[in-house]
Amino acid sequence: MKNRIKLLVVGAGPHGSGFHMPALAHYRSRNPDRVGSVLVCDLDRDRAASAARKYGFEESASDVEEVIGDWRPDAAMVLTSVQATVEVGRRIIGAGIPVLLEKPPGETVGEAEELVVLSAQAAAPVMVSMNRRFDPVLRAAMARVNGRRCRYVRVTFARERRNEDRFLTETALHAVDAMRMLGGDIVPSSLRWLGHGGTSWRVATFKFAAGAMGCFEILPAAGARAERYEITGEGFRGIAKTCFYDDGELCWKELDSEPELQTYRASRPVWELDGTLGETCEFLDSCIAGRAPRPAPADVLDSVRIAHRLDATPECLG
């Protein structure tokens, strides 16, 4: 791909304009030789124009089809609602344009599987927005593990007043995907619930394919927000508290060594703390370099399947 790309951003809602767009504007300011014109497209033309003005992007529109046909972007970021992701994604993938799709990649497992097939057949790469893979604390924890075998991984994923029906499949998907990043593939049939906590509340144990044990604590309506990943192996233990939803620190202890505490909050903006900037860099750098960005839909598919399995009742699983 040419070095200076034209970029289409689809969706100017609160998440796109509050996280992805400022990260994109920052990337472009640091890499003016890589990103040229940016066009923001939203069904609400005024909202698209307002977002474009706010971040210094050149153009705005309300019709994706016209933009794809007339403006011909070199890459696209789809930051739409879950209900619109697959439909818009189909159009852009079909046009052979590299694309970053907001998570989850579809409302159902079937839609996620469809995107995997479409991506495999596509003329251009597809990436799914799973920003925990770029969270600075979790990446530091991965560096500390350094390929060693984990024996037990536990996540506490707590929010306030989040009892919506799709919390598990649309939001707690982050916890599932991060657990797979830390411990490897999860054995779906090993999920076991520890009682009933209410709609979308889950405490469940499971096994990783590599043999480690794991535990999900998904608490959507707790008294505070927290997102913590405890990682234990032979001779090491770490507690990673994510930046945006927790204290932004990694406490690490190696056998026969003093505990070490690394902090990451400082004065960084939220779109850097939660991994959105790192994700944006991965997508755009990959597009310009001509390599496939990660994670692809196939990388995330098992995370989607596990999240939907968590959403099922214990009775359904036998």
C-alpha atoms as a PDB file:
ATOM      1  CA  MET A   1       0.000   0.000   0.000  1.00  0.00           C
ATOM      2  CA  LYS A   2       1.139   3.546  -0.646  1.00  0.00           C
ATOM      3  CA  ASN A   3       2.753   5.329   2.273  1.00  0.00           C
ATOM      4  CA  ARG A   4       0.147   8.115   2.720  1.00  0.00           C
ATOM      5  CA  ILE A   5      -3.317   6.619   2.971  1.00  0.00           C
ATOM      6  CA  LYS A   6      -6.861   7.968   2.757  1.00  0.00           C
ATOM      7  CA  LEU A   7      -8.823   6.714   5.739  1.00  0.00           C
ATOM      8  CA  LEU A   8     -12.582   6.255   6.145  1.00  0.00           C
ATOM      9  CA  VAL A   9     -14.051   6.317   9.661  1.00  0.00           C
ATOM     10  CA  VAL A  10     -17.605   4.946   9.862  1.00  0.00           C
ATOM     11  CA  GLY A  11     -19.524   5.852  13.012  1.00  0.00           C
ATOM     12  CA  ALA A  12     -19.278   9.082  14.998  1.00  0.00           C
ATOM     13  CA  GLY A  13     -21.030   7.945  18.162  1.00  0.00           C
ATOM     14  CA  PRO A  14     -19.706   8.444  21.717  1.00  0.00           C
ATOM     15  CA  HIS A  15     -17.254   5.525  21.617  1.00  0.00           C
ATOM     16  CA  GLY A  16     -15.813   6.338  18.211  1.00  0.00           C
ATOM     17  CA  SER A  17     -15.530  10.064  18.834  1.00  0.00           C
ATOM     18  CA  GLY A  18     -14.353   9.645  22.423  1.00  0.00           C
ATOM     19  CA  PHE A  19     -11.688   6.970  21.930  1.00  0.00           C
ATOM     20  CA  HIS A  20     -10.834   5.933  18.384  1.00  0.00           C
ATOM     21  CA  MET A  21     -10.892   9.375  16.775  1.00  0.00           C
ATOM     22  CA  PRO A  22      -8.598  11.136  19.266  1.00  0.00           C
ATOM     23  CA  ALA A  23      -6.214   8.170  19.010  1.00  0.00           C
ATOM     24  CA  LEU A  24      -6.325   8.470  15.216  1.00  0.00           C
ATOM     25  CA  ALA A  25      -5.744  12.229  15.371  1.00  0.00           C
ATOM     26  CA  HIS A  26      -2.756  11.650  17.645  1.00  0.00           C
ATOM     27  CA  TYR A  27      -1.332   9.000  15.327  1.00  0.00           C
ATOM     28  CA  ARG A  28      -1.709  11.291  12.316  1.00  0.00           C
ATOM     29  CA  SER A  29      -0.086  14.225  14.102  1.00  0.00           C
ATOM     30  CA  ARG A  30       2.918  12.000  14.857  1.00  0.00           C
ATOM     31  CA  ASN A  31       2.948  10.413  11.393  1.00  0.00           C
ATOM     32  CA  PRO A  32       1.936  13.083   8.858  1.00  0.00           C
ATOM     33  CA  ASP A  33       3.722  11.171   6.101  1.00  0.00           C
ATOM     34  CA  ARG A  34       1.537   8.088   6.677  1.00  0.00           C
ATOM     35  CA  VAL A  35      -2.073   9.298   6.931  1.00  0.00           C
ATOM     36  CA  GLY A  36      -3.475  11.806   4.460  1.00  0.00           C
ATOM     37  CA  SER A  37      -7.166  12.716   4.252  1.00  0.00           C
ATOM     38  CA  VAL A  38      -9.655  11.333   6.781  1.00  0.00           C
ATOM     39  CA  LEU A  39     -13.392  11.178   6.056  1.00  0.00           C
ATOM     40  CA  VAL A  40     -15.930  10.623   8.856  1.00  0.00           C
ATOM     41  CA  CYS A  41     -19.175   8.937   7.809  1.00  0.00           C
ATOM     42  CA  ASP A  42     -22.290   8.671   9.968  1.00  0.00           C
ATOM     43  CA  LEU A  43     -26.018   8.352   9.226  1.00  0.00           C
ATOM     44  CA  ASP A  44     -26.325  11.620  11.156  1.00  0.00           C
ATOM     45  CA  ARG A  45     -24.571  14.018   8.767  1.00  0.00           C
ATOM     46  CA  ASP A  46     -24.325  16.775  11.388  1.00  0.00           C
ATOM     47  CA  ARG A  47     -22.707  14.418  13.886  1.00  0.00           C
ATOM     48  CA  ALA A  48     -20.198  13.295  11.261  1.00  0.00           C
ATOM     49  CA  ALA A  49     -19.344  16.884  10.382  1.00  0.00           C
ATOM     50  CA  SER A  50     -18.993  17.866  14.046  1.00  0.00           C
ATOM     51  CA  ALA A  51     -16.612  14.969  14.775  1.00  0.00           C
ATOM     52  CA  ALA A  52     -14.539  15.761  11.679  1.00  0.00           C
ATOM     53  CA  ARG A  53     -14.178  19.395  12.727  1.00  0.00           C
ATOM     54  CA  LYS A  54     -13.298  18.470  16.313  1.00  0.00           C
ATOM     55  CA  TYR A  55     -10.341  16.309  15.293  1.00  0.00           C
ATOM     56  CA  GLY A  56      -9.186  18.210  12.233  1.00  0.00           C
ATOM     57  CA  PHE A  57     -10.343  15.626   9.696  1.00  0.00           C
ATOM     58  CA  GLU A  58     -10.951  16.907   6.200  1.00  0.00           C
ATOM     59  CA  GLU A  59     -14.313  15.505   5.111  1.00  0.00           C
ATOM     60  CA  SER A  60     -17.632  14.061   6.287  1.00  0.00           C
ATOM     61  CA  ALA A  61     -20.517  12.197   4.695  1.00  0.00           C
ATOM     62  CA  SER A  62     -23.618  10.149   5.522  1.00  0.00           C
ATOM     63  CA  ASP A  63     -23.652   7.407   2.850  1.00  0.00           C
ATOM     64  CA  VAL A  64     -21.063   4.627   3.105  1.00  0.00           C
ATOM     65  CA  GLU A  65     -21.797   3.268  -0.368  1.00  0.00           C
ATOM     66  CA  GLU A  66     -21.146   6.627  -2.003  1.00  0.00           C
ATOM     67  CA  VAL A  67     -17.929   7.107  -0.063  1.00  0.00           C
ATOM     68  CA  ILE A  68     -16.639   3.663  -1.030  1.00  0.00           C
ATOM     69  CA  GLY A  69     -17.526   4.221  -4.673  1.00  0.00           C
ATOM     70  CA  ASP A  70     -16.549   7.860  -5.147  1.00  0.00           C
ATOM     71  CA  TRP A  71     -13.904   8.649  -2.521  1.00  0.00           C
ATOM     72  CA  ARG A  72     -12.184   5.238  -2.608  1.00  0.00           C
ATOM     73  CA  PRO A  73     -10.510   5.006   0.817  1.00  0.00           C
ATOM     74  CA  ASP A  74      -7.324   3.000   1.251  1.00  0.00           C
ATOM     75  CA  ALA A  75      -8.412   1.725   4.687  1.00  0.00           C
ATOM     76  CA  ALA A  76     -11.414   1.985   6.998  1.00  0.00           C
ATOM     77  CA  MET A  77     -12.323   1.922  10.680  1.00  0.00           C
ATOM     78  CA  VAL A  78     -15.888   0.744  11.418  1.00  0.00           C
ATOM     79  CA  LEU A  79     -16.973   2.125  14.802  1.00  0.00           C
ATOM     80  CA  THR A  80     -20.690   1.433  14.518  1.00  0.00           C
ATOM     81  CA  SER A  81     -23.208  -0.194  16.847  1.00  0.00           C
ATOM     82  CA  VAL A  82     -23.097  -3.973  17.224  1.00  0.00           C
ATOM     83  CA  GLN A  83     -26.232  -4.269  15.110  1.00  0.00           C
ATOM     84  CA  ALA A  84     -24.601  -2.482  12.163  1.00  0.00           C
ATOM     85  CA  THR A  85     -21.076  -3.924  12.323  1.00  0.00           C
ATOM     86  CA  VAL A  86     -21.595  -6.966  10.114  1.00  0.00           C
ATOM     87  CA  GLU A  87     -23.656  -5.136   7.488  1.00  0.00           C
ATOM     88  CA  VAL A  88     -21.155  -2.292   7.108  1.00  0.00           C
ATOM     89  CA  GLY A  89     -18.247  -4.707   7.403  1.00  0.00           C
ATOM     90  CA  ARG A  90     -19.590  -6.804   4.532  1.00  0.00           C
ATOM     91  CA  ARG A  91     -19.632  -3.778   2.222  1.00  0.00           C
ATOM     92  CA  ILE A  92     -16.119  -2.675   3.024  1.00  0.00           C
ATOM     93  CA  ILE A  93     -14.621  -6.163   3.010  1.00  0.00           C
ATOM     94  CA  GLY A  94     -16.354  -6.824  -0.314  1.00  0.00           C
ATOM     95  CA  ALA A  95     -14.781  -3.697  -1.744  1.00  0.00           C
ATOM     96  CA  GLY A  96     -11.310  -5.028  -0.927  1.00  0.00           C
ATOM     97  CA  ILE A  97     -10.529  -2.316   1.632  1.00  0.00           C
ATOM     98  CA  PRO A  98      -8.482  -3.116   4.800  1.00  0.00           C
ATOM     99  CA  VAL A  99     -10.747  -2.591   7.787  1.00  0.00           C
ATOM    100  CA  LEU A 100     -10.742  -2.394  11.585  1.00  0.00           C
ATOM    101  CA  LEU A 101     -14.104  -3.581  12.969  1.00  0.00           C
ATOM    102  CA  GLU A 102     -15.421  -2.595  16.390  1.00  0.00           C
ATOM    103  CA  LYS A 103     -16.053  -5.506  18.742  1.00  0.00           C
ATOM    104  CA  PRO A 104     -17.939  -7.752  19.010  1.00  0.00           C
ATOM    105  CA  PRO A 105     -17.688  -8.985  15.427  1.00  0.00           C
ATOM    106  CA  GLY A 106     -21.428  -9.634  15.209  1.00  0.00           C
ATOM    107  CA  GLU A 107     -24.398 -10.081  17.523  1.00  0.00           C
ATOM    108  CA  THR A 108     -24.274 -13.878  17.332  1.00  0.00           C
ATOM    109  CA  VAL A 109     -21.701 -16.630  16.997  1.00  0.00           C
ATOM    110  CA  GLY A 110     -23.065 -17.238  13.508  1.00  0.00           C
ATOM    111  CA  GLU A 111     -22.324 -13.658  12.456  1.00  0.00           C
ATOM    112  CA  ALA A 112     -18.816 -13.900  13.888  1.00  0.00           C
ATOM    113  CA  GLU A 113     -18.251 -17.099  11.944  1.00  0.00           C
ATOM    114  CA  GLU A 114     -19.514 -15.397   8.794  1.00  0.00           C
ATOM    115  CA  LEU A 115     -16.969 -12.610   9.240  1.00  0.00           C
ATOM    116  CA  VAL A 116     -14.196 -15.194   9.615  1.00  0.00           C
ATOM    117  CA  VAL A 117     -15.185 -16.729   6.276  1.00  0.00           C
ATOM    118  CA  LEU A 118     -15.502 -13.327   4.593  1.00  0.00           C
ATOM    119  CA  SER A 119     -12.105 -12.283   5.937  1.00  0.00           C
ATOM    120  CA  ALA A 120     -10.455 -15.464   4.693  1.00  0.00           C
ATOM    121  CA  GLN A 121     -11.839 -14.806   1.217  1.00  0.00           C
ATOM    122  CA  ALA A 122     -11.153 -11.059   1.238  1.00  0.00           C
ATOM    123  CA  ALA A 123      -8.612  -9.286  -0.907  1.00  0.00           C
ATOM    124  CA  ALA A 124      -7.590  -7.086   2.051  1.00  0.00           C
ATOM    125  CA  PRO A 125      -6.938  -7.773   5.770  1.00  0.00           C
ATOM    126  CA  VAL A 126      -9.555  -7.452   8.524  1.00  0.00           C
ATOM    127  CA  MET A 127      -8.792  -6.618  12.175  1.00  0.00           C
ATOM    128  CA  VAL A 128     -11.145  -6.736  15.187  1.00  0.00           C
ATOM    129  CA  SER A 129     -10.983  -4.016  17.825  1.00  0.00           C
ATOM    130  CA  MET A 130      -9.981  -5.878  21.010  1.00  0.00           C
ATOM    131  CA  ASN A 131      -8.126  -3.135  22.839  1.00  0.00           C
ATOM    132  CA  ARG A 132      -7.213  -5.180  25.950  1.00  0.00           C
ATOM    133  CA  ARG A 133      -4.611  -6.894  23.772  1.00  0.00           C
ATOM    134  CA  PHE A 134      -2.895  -3.486  23.691  1.00  0.00           C
ATOM    135  CA  ASP A 135      -3.539  -2.427  27.293  1.00  0.00           C
ATOM    136  CA  PRO A 136      -0.115  -1.332  28.618  1.00  0.00           C
ATOM    137  CA  VAL A 137      -0.494  -3.179  31.940  1.00  0.00           C
ATOM    138  CA  LEU A 138      -1.548  -6.476  30.352  1.00  0.00           C
ATOM    139  CA  ARG A 139       1.229  -6.236  27.793  1.00  0.00           C
ATOM    140  CA  ALA A 140       3.726  -5.666  30.609  1.00  0.00           C
ATOM    141  CA  ALA A 141       2.360  -8.757  32.362  1.00  0.00           C
ATOM    142  CA  MET A 142       2.788 -10.784  29.170  1.00  0.00           C
ATOM    143  CA  ALA A 143       6.398  -9.609  28.938  1.00  0.00           C
ATOM    144  CA  ARG A 144       6.979 -10.734  32.540  1.00  0.00           C
ATOM    145  CA  VAL A 145       5.520 -14.177  31.856  1.00  0.00           C
ATOM    146  CA  ASN A 146       7.885 -14.356  28.882  1.00  0.00           C
ATOM    147  CA  GLY A 147       6.596 -17.658  27.558  1.00  0.00           C
ATOM    148  CA  ARG A 148       6.591 -19.469  30.899  1.00  0.00           C
ATOM    149  CA  ARG A 149       3.711 -21.766  31.700  1.00  0.00           C
ATOM    150  CA  CYS A 150       0.890 -20.245  33.733  1.00  0.00           C
ATOM    151  CA  ARG A 151      -0.772 -22.527  36.270  1.00  0.00           C
ATOM    152  CA  TYR A 152      -3.715 -20.344  37.346  1.00  0.00           C
ATOM    153  CA  VAL A 153      -5.279 -17.211  35.858  1.00  0.00           C
ATOM    154  CA  ARG A 154      -8.165 -15.338  37.435  1.00  0.00           C
ATOM    155  CA  VAL A 155     -10.044 -12.258  36.262  1.00  0.00           C
ATOM    156  CA  THR A 156     -12.303  -9.946  38.238  1.00  0.00           C
ATOM    157  CA  PHE A 157     -14.369  -7.929  35.772  1.00  0.00           C
ATOM    158  CA  ALA A 158     -16.603  -5.558  37.743  1.00  0.00           C
ATOM    159  CA  ARG A 159     -18.745  -2.634  36.624  1.00  0.00           C
ATOM    160  CA  GLU A 160     -21.457  -0.435  38.109  1.00  0.00           C
ATOM    161  CA  ARG A 161     -25.132  -0.643  37.083  1.00  0.00           C
ATOM    162  CA  ARG A 162     -24.470  -2.740  33.958  1.00  0.00           C
ATOM    163  CA  ASN A 163     -27.260  -5.305  34.066  1.00  0.00           C
ATOM    164  CA  GLU A 164     -28.135  -5.068  30.372  1.00  0.00           C
ATOM    165  CA  ASP A 165     -28.951  -8.351  28.664  1.00  0.00           C
ATOM    166  CA  ARG A 166     -25.903  -8.403  26.380  1.00  0.00           C
ATOM    167  CA  PHE A 167     -23.286  -7.406  28.930  1.00  0.00           C
ATOM    168  CA  LEU A 168     -21.568 -10.789  28.731  1.00  0.00           C
ATOM    169  CA  THR A 169     -21.366 -11.039  24.956  1.00  0.00           C
ATOM    170  CA  GLU A 170     -20.635  -7.385  24.186  1.00  0.00           C
ATOM    171  CA  THR A 171     -18.596  -6.078  27.140  1.00  0.00           C
ATOM    172  CA  ALA A 172     -17.288  -9.026  29.183  1.00  0.00           C
ATOM    173  CA  LEU A 173     -15.979 -10.338  25.849  1.00  0.00           C
ATOM    174  CA  HIS A 174     -12.939  -8.196  26.692  1.00  0.00           C
ATOM    175  CA  ALA A 175     -12.220 -10.323  29.774  1.00  0.00           C
ATOM    176  CA  VAL A 176     -12.556 -13.563  27.809  1.00  0.00           C
ATOM    177  CA  ASP A 177     -10.252 -12.380  25.048  1.00  0.00           C
ATOM    178  CA  ALA A 178      -7.676 -11.048  27.516  1.00  0.00           C
ATOM    179  CA  MET A 179      -7.706 -14.380  29.372  1.00  0.00           C
ATOM    180  CA  ARG A 180      -6.999 -16.191  26.108  1.00  0.00           C
ATOM    181  CA  MET A 181      -4.159 -13.766  25.408  1.00  0.00           C
ATOM    182  CA  LEU A 182      -2.649 -14.521  28.832  1.00  0.00           C
ATOM    183  CA  GLY A 183      -3.267 -18.255  29.139  1.00  0.00           C
ATOM    184  CA  GLY A 184      -3.995 -19.565  25.652  1.00  0.00           C
ATOM    185  CA  ASP A 185      -7.056 -21.365  24.359  1.00  0.00           C
ATOM    186  CA  ILE A 186      -9.863 -22.210  26.784  1.00  0.00           C
ATOM    187  CA  VAL A 187     -11.655 -25.566  26.793  1.00  0.00           C
ATOM    188  CA  PRO A 188     -15.337 -24.553  26.388  1.00  0.00           C
ATOM    189  CA  SER A 189     -16.732 -27.755  27.878  1.00  0.00           C
ATOM    190  CA  SER A 190     -14.779 -27.155  31.090  1.00  0.00           C
ATOM    191  CA  LEU A 191     -16.802 -24.080  32.133  1.00  0.00           C
ATOM    192  CA  ARG A 192     -18.507 -24.671  35.477  1.00  0.00           C
ATOM    193  CA  TRP A 193     -20.729 -22.152  37.272  1.00  0.00           C
ATOM    194  CA  LEU A 194     -20.510 -21.551  41.022  1.00  0.00           C
ATOM    195  CA  GLY A 195     -24.157 -20.756  41.775  1.00  0.00           C
ATOM    196  CA  HIS A 196     -26.442 -18.069  40.358  1.00  0.00           C
ATOM    197  CA  GLY A 197     -25.725 -14.364  40.803  1.00  0.00           C
ATOM    198  CA  GLY A 198     -28.424 -12.882  38.579  1.00  0.00           C
ATOM    199  CA  THR A 199     -28.636 -11.701  34.987  1.00  0.00           C
ATOM    200  CA  SER A 200     -25.151 -11.518  33.428  1.00  0.00           C
ATOM    201  CA  TRP A 201     -23.443 -12.217  36.780  1.00  0.00           C
ATOM    202  CA  ARG A 202     -21.077 -15.164  36.420  1.00  0.00           C
ATOM    203  CA  VAL A 203     -18.464 -16.823  38.601  1.00  0.00           C
ATOM    204  CA  ALA A 204     -17.135 -19.775  36.683  1.00  0.00           C
ATOM    205  CA  THR A 205     -14.097 -22.035  36.644  1.00  0.00           C
ATOM    206  CA  PHE A 206     -12.532 -23.502  33.526  1.00  0.00           C
ATOM    207  CA  LYS A 207      -9.402 -25.094  32.074  1.00  0.00           C
ATOM    208  CA  PHE A 208      -6.965 -23.836  29.485  1.00  0.00           C
ATOM    209  CA  ALA A 209      -5.980 -26.225  26.714  1.00  0.00           C
ATOM    210  CA  ALA A 210      -2.376 -26.043  27.986  1.00  0.00           C
ATOM    211  CA  GLY A 211      -3.507 -27.416  31.355  1.00  0.00           C
ATOM    212  CA  ALA A 212      -3.746 -24.284  33.517  1.00  0.00           C
ATOM    213  CA  MET A 213      -6.781 -23.531  35.693  1.00  0.00           C
ATOM    214  CA  GLY A 214      -8.821 -20.365  35.323  1.00  0.00           C
ATOM    215  CA  CYS A 215     -11.641 -18.411  36.925  1.00  0.00           C
ATOM    216  CA  PHE A 216     -14.018 -15.746  35.620  1.00  0.00           C
ATOM    217  CA  GLU A 217     -15.626 -13.318  38.074  1.00  0.00           C
ATOM    218  CA  ILE A 218     -17.993 -11.193  35.994  1.00  0.00           C
ATOM    219  CA  LEU A 219     -19.828  -8.730  38.245  1.00  0.00           C
ATOM    220  CA  PRO A 220     -21.780  -6.212  36.138  1.00  0.00           C
ATOM    221  CA  ALA A 221     -23.497  -4.301  38.928  1.00  0.00           C
ATOM    222  CA  ALA A 222     -20.894  -4.197  41.705  1.00  0.00           C
ATOM    223  CA  GLY A 223     -20.287  -1.194  43.916  1.00  0.00           C
ATOM    224  CA  ALA A 224     -17.165  -0.162  42.013  1.00  0.00           C
ATOM    225  CA  ARG A 225     -15.392  -0.647  38.711  1.00  0.00           C
ATOM    226  CA  ALA A 226     -12.455  -3.034  38.628  1.00  0.00           C
ATOM    227  CA  GLU A 227     -10.644  -5.093  36.024  1.00  0.00           C
ATOM    228  CA  ARG A 228      -7.898  -7.273  37.424  1.00  0.00           C
ATOM    229  CA  TYR A 229      -6.006 -10.265  36.088  1.00  0.00           C
ATOM    230  CA  GLU A 230      -4.101 -12.505  38.509  1.00  0.00           C
ATOM    231  CA  ILE A 231      -1.433 -14.673  36.875  1.00  0.00           C
ATOM    232  CA  THR A 232       0.318 -17.442  38.806  1.00  0.00           C
ATOM    233  CA  GLY A 233       2.952 -19.922  37.647  1.00  0.00           C
ATOM    234  CA  GLU A 234       5.851 -21.901  39.057  1.00  0.00           C
ATOM    235  CA  GLY A 235       7.882 -19.296  40.936  1.00  0.00           C
ATOM    236  CA  PHE A 236       5.999 -16.184  39.831  1.00  0.00           C
ATOM    237  CA  ARG A 237       2.770 -14.293  40.490  1.00  0.00           C
ATOM    238  CA  GLY A 238       1.418 -11.046  39.146  1.00  0.00           C
ATOM    239  CA  ILE A 239      -1.675  -8.881  39.597  1.00  0.00           C
ATOM    240  CA  ALA A 240      -2.424  -6.661  36.616  1.00  0.00           C
ATOM    241  CA  LYS A 241      -4.909  -3.834  37.222  1.00  0.00           C
ATOM    242  CA  THR A 242      -5.928  -2.291  33.919  1.00  0.00           C
ATOM    243  CA  CYS A 243      -5.473   1.421  33.376  1.00  0.00           C
ATOM    244  CA  PHE A 244      -8.902   2.691  32.393  1.00  0.00           C
ATOM    245  CA  TYR A 245     -11.086   0.604  34.699  1.00  0.00           C
ATOM    246  CA  ASP A 246      -8.725   0.116  37.636  1.00  0.00           C
ATOM    247  CA  ASP A 247      -5.562   1.476  39.260  1.00  0.00           C
ATOM    248  CA  GLY A 248      -3.299   1.069  36.229  1.00  0.00           C
ATOM    249  CA  GLU A 249      -0.549  -0.922  37.890  1.00  0.00           C
ATOM    250  CA  LEU A 250       1.252  -4.247  37.770  1.00  0.00           C
ATOM    251  CA  CYS A 251       2.426  -5.882  41.001  1.00  0.00           C
ATOM    252  CA  TRP A 252       4.898  -8.663  40.196  1.00  0.00           C
ATOM    253  CA  LYS A 253       6.635 -11.162  42.473  1.00  0.00           C
ATOM    254  CA  GLU A 254       9.297 -13.673  41.450  1.00  0.00           C
ATOM    255  CA  LEU A 255      10.491 -16.456  43.756  1.00  0.00           C
ATOM    256  CA  ASP A 256      13.201 -15.251  46.174  1.00  0.00           C
ATOM    257  CA  SER A 257      12.803 -11.631  44.986  1.00  0.00           C
ATOM    258  CA  GLU A 258      11.104  -8.572  46.384  1.00  0.00           C
ATOM    259  CA  PRO A 259       7.737  -7.566  44.862  1.00  0.00           C
ATOM    260  CA  GLU A 260       7.928  -4.943  42.115  1.00  0.00           C
ATOM    261  CA  LEU A 261       5.238  -2.367  41.392  1.00  0.00           C
ATOM    262  CA  GLN A 262       4.944  -0.699  37.993  1.00  0.00           C
ATOM    263  CA  THR A 263       2.445   2.133  37.534  1.00  0.00           C
ATOM    264  CA  TYR A 264       1.103   3.335  34.192  1.00  0.00           C
ATOM    265  CA  ARG A 265      -1.519   5.996  34.804  1.00  0.00           C
ATOM    266  CA  ALA A 266       0.486   9.222  35.023  1.00  0.00           C
ATOM    267  CA  SER A 267      -1.281  11.878  32.933  1.00  0.00           C
ATOM    268  CA  ARG A 268      -2.052   9.802  29.859  1.00  0.00           C
ATOM    269  CA  PRO A 269      -5.404  10.226  28.070  1.00  0.00           C
ATOM    270  CA  VAL A 270      -7.993   7.462  28.397  1.00  0.00           C
ATOM    271  CA  TRP A 271      -7.622   6.373  24.760  1.00  0.00           C
ATOM    272  CA  GLU A 272      -4.000   5.549  25.444  1.00  0.00           C
ATOM    273  CA  LEU A 273      -4.609   3.958  28.845  1.00  0.00           C
ATOM    274  CA  ASP A 274      -7.169   1.470  27.530  1.00  0.00           C
ATOM    275  CA  GLY A 275      -5.086   0.296  24.570  1.00  0.00           C
ATOM    276  CA  THR A 276      -6.977   2.127  21.811  1.00  0.00           C
ATOM    277  CA  LEU A 277      -3.875   4.016  20.690  1.00  0.00           C
ATOM    278  CA  GLY A 278      -1.816   0.825  20.502  1.00  0.00           C
ATOM    279  CA  GLU A 279      -4.587  -0.834  18.542  1.00  0.00           C
ATOM    280  CA  THR A 280      -4.760   2.123  16.123  1.00  0.00           C
ATOM    281  CA  CYS A 281      -1.005   1.978  15.602  1.00  0.00           C
ATOM    282  CA  GLU A 282      -1.172  -1.764  14.877  1.00  0.00           C
ATOM    283  CA  PHE A 283      -3.908  -1.328  12.283  1.00  0.00           C
ATOM    284  CA  LEU A 284      -2.438   1.640  10.433  1.00  0.00           C
ATOM    285  CA  ASP A 285       1.186   0.496  10.611  1.00  0.00           C
ATOM    286  CA  SER A 286       0.129  -2.899   9.249  1.00  0.00           C
ATOM    287  CA  CYS A 287      -1.877  -1.378   6.409  1.00  0.00           C
ATOM    288  CA  ILE A 288       1.018   0.829   5.354  1.00  0.00           C
ATOM    289  CA  ALA A 289       3.565  -1.986   5.666  1.00  0.00           C
ATOM    290  CA  GLY A 290       1.372  -4.408   3.732  1.00  0.00           C
ATOM    291  CA  ARG A 291       1.116  -7.007   6.509  1.00  0.00           C
ATOM    292  CA  ALA A 292      -1.968  -8.470   8.156  1.00  0.00           C
ATOM    293  CA  PRO A 293      -2.930  -6.729  11.441  1.00  0.00           C
ATOM    294  CA  ARG A 294      -3.814  -8.758  14.537  1.00  0.00           C
ATOM    295  CA  PRO A 295      -6.171  -9.801  15.939  1.00  0.00           C
ATOM    296  CA  ALA A 296      -8.043 -11.014  12.876  1.00  0.00           C
ATOM    297  CA  PRO A 297     -11.651 -12.296  13.151  1.00  0.00           C
ATOM    298  CA  ALA A 298     -10.326 -15.870  13.316  1.00  0.00           C
ATOM    299  CA  ASP A 299      -8.188 -14.909  16.356  1.00  0.00           C
ATOM    300  CA  VAL A 300     -11.250 -13.595  18.207  1.00  0.00           C
ATOM    301  CA  LEU A 301     -13.801 -16.241  17.203  1.00  0.00           C
ATOM    302  CA  ASP A 302     -13.158 -18.542  20.176  1.00  0.00           C
ATOM    303  CA  SER A 303     -13.469 -15.557  22.530  1.00  0.00           C
ATOM    304  CA  VAL A 304     -16.917 -14.871  21.051  1.00  0.00           C
ATOM    305  CA  ARG A 305     -17.904 -18.518  21.446  1.00  0.00           C
ATOM    306  CA  ILE A 306     -16.801 -18.606  25.096  1.00  0.00           C
ATOM    307  CA  ALA A 307     -18.611 -15.333  25.893  1.00  0.00           C
ATOM    308  CA  HIS A 308     -21.839 -16.718  24.433  1.00  0.00           C
ATOM    309  CA  ARG A 309     -21.328 -19.929  26.383  1.00  0.00           C
ATOM    310  CA  LEU A 310     -20.955 -17.878  29.549  1.00  0.00           C
ATOM    311  CA  ASP A 311     -24.220 -16.174  28.620  1.00  0.00           C
ATOM    312  CA  ALA A 312     -26.021 -19.516  28.542  1.00  0.00           C
ATOM    313  CA  THR A 313     -27.551 -20.871  31.740  1.00  0.00           C
ATOM    314  CA  PRO A 314     -25.886 -23.781  33.567  1.00  0.00           C
ATOM    315  CA  GLU A 315     -28.943 -25.906  32.812  1.00  0.00           C
ATOM    316  CA  CYS A 316     -28.349 -25.410  29.081  1.00  0.00           C
ATOM    317  CA  LEU A 317     -24.822 -26.729  29.436  1.00  0.00           C
ATOM    318  CA  GLY A 318     -25.709 -29.802  31.429  1.00  0.00           C
END
